[in-house]
Protein backbone atom coordinates (compact mmCIF):
# COMPACT_ATOMS: atom_id res chain seq x y z
CA MET A 1 0.00 0.00 0.00
CA ILE A 2 1.22 3.49 -0.84
CA MET A 3 1.68 5.93 2.02
CA ILE A 4 2.18 9.67 2.07
CA ALA A 5 3.34 11.68 5.10
CA ILE A 6 2.47 15.37 5.32
CA SER A 7 2.68 18.21 7.81
CA THR A 8 -0.32 19.79 9.50
CA THR A 9 0.36 22.94 7.49
CA GLU A 10 0.17 21.01 4.23
CA LEU A 11 -3.03 19.33 5.42
CA ARG A 12 -4.64 22.71 6.15
CA ARG A 13 -3.65 24.03 2.72
CA ASN A 14 -5.01 21.02 0.81
CA LEU A 15 -7.51 19.29 3.09
CA LYS A 16 -9.92 18.26 0.33
CA LYS A 17 -7.07 16.73 -1.69
CA TYR A 18 -5.84 14.59 1.21
CA LEU A 19 -9.33 13.48 2.25
CA ALA A 20 -9.87 12.19 -1.30
CA MET A 21 -6.43 10.63 -1.34
CA ALA A 22 -7.16 8.74 1.92
CA ASN A 23 -9.69 6.61 0.03
CA LYS A 24 -6.85 5.10 -1.99
CA GLU A 25 -3.74 5.29 0.17
CA ARG A 26 -2.53 5.91 3.70
CA VAL A 27 -2.27 9.58 4.60
CA VAL A 28 -0.19 10.21 7.72
CA ILE A 29 -0.02 13.66 9.30
CA GLN A 30 3.08 14.62 11.24
CA SER A 31 2.33 17.09 14.02
CA GLY A 32 5.49 18.28 15.69
CA LYS A 33 8.30 15.83 16.29
CA ALA A 34 6.49 13.09 18.19
CA GLU A 35 2.82 13.09 17.18
CA THR A 36 1.46 11.37 14.08
CA TYR A 37 -2.11 10.82 12.94
CA GLU A 38 -3.67 8.94 10.06
CA ILE A 39 -6.71 9.86 7.98
CA ILE A 40 -8.99 6.84 7.74
CA PRO A 41 -12.36 7.19 6.01
CA ALA A 42 -15.18 6.16 8.39
CA LYS A 43 -16.64 3.73 5.85
CA LYS A 44 -13.29 1.98 5.53
CA VAL A 45 -13.04 1.55 9.30
CA SER A 46 -16.56 0.21 9.78
CA ASP A 47 -16.33 -2.15 6.80
CA THR A 48 -13.10 -3.77 7.92
CA ASP A 49 -13.27 -3.50 11.69
CA LYS A 50 -14.62 -6.81 12.99
CA TYR A 51 -15.01 -5.39 16.47
CA PHE A 52 -17.21 -2.40 15.69
CA SER A 53 -19.21 -4.14 12.99
CA ASN A 54 -20.31 -6.80 15.50
CA PRO A 55 -23.90 -6.09 16.68
CA LYS A 56 -23.22 -7.63 20.12
CA VAL A 57 -20.34 -5.22 20.68
CA ILE A 58 -22.48 -2.25 19.63
CA GLU A 59 -25.22 -3.40 22.06
CA ALA A 60 -22.65 -3.69 24.88
CA ILE A 61 -21.37 -0.19 24.15
CA GLU A 62 -24.92 1.19 24.23
CA ARG A 63 -25.59 -0.57 27.57
CA GLY A 64 -22.39 0.99 28.91
CA ARG A 65 -23.50 4.43 27.80
CA GLU A 66 -26.86 3.90 29.54
CA ASP A 67 -25.03 2.81 32.71
CA ILE A 68 -22.94 5.99 32.66
CA LYS A 69 -26.01 8.19 32.15
CA ALA A 70 -27.70 6.42 35.08
CA GLY A 71 -24.65 6.93 37.31
CA ARG A 72 -23.68 3.26 37.41
CA PHE A 73 -19.91 3.60 37.15
CA ILE A 74 -16.80 3.82 39.31
CA THR A 75 -14.15 6.51 38.95
CA ILE A 76 -10.64 5.19 39.47
CA THR A 77 -8.39 7.97 40.71
CA ASP A 78 -5.32 5.89 41.61
CA PRO A 79 -4.27 3.30 39.03
CA LYS A 80 -2.27 1.47 41.69
CA LYS A 81 -5.48 0.82 43.65
CA ILE A 82 -7.77 -0.32 40.84
CA TRP A 83 -9.10 -3.43 42.57
CA GLU A 84 -9.45 -1.71 45.94
CA THR A 85 -11.55 0.99 44.26
CA ILE A 86 -13.70 -1.50 42.32
CA LEU A 87 -14.34 -3.76 45.31
CA SER A 88 -15.07 -1.00 47.83
């Protein structure tokens, strides 16, 4: 697969061009020295992603969202005490 790497400045100048290009090849955006991002068309992700195209997974995500709205969640403030927080 062909890949092109561009800067954020180049992306801003030619956004439409790179969005169209992402349908055919990988478009990677370099932001600063350490950050990189990739443009992936939503259709491409949903068509090939076995996880998010699985109806059971989508149902589980929706149930999780409902739990959060209803206040059924635990906030973990100390990652070293995950189980203590969950079990308390």
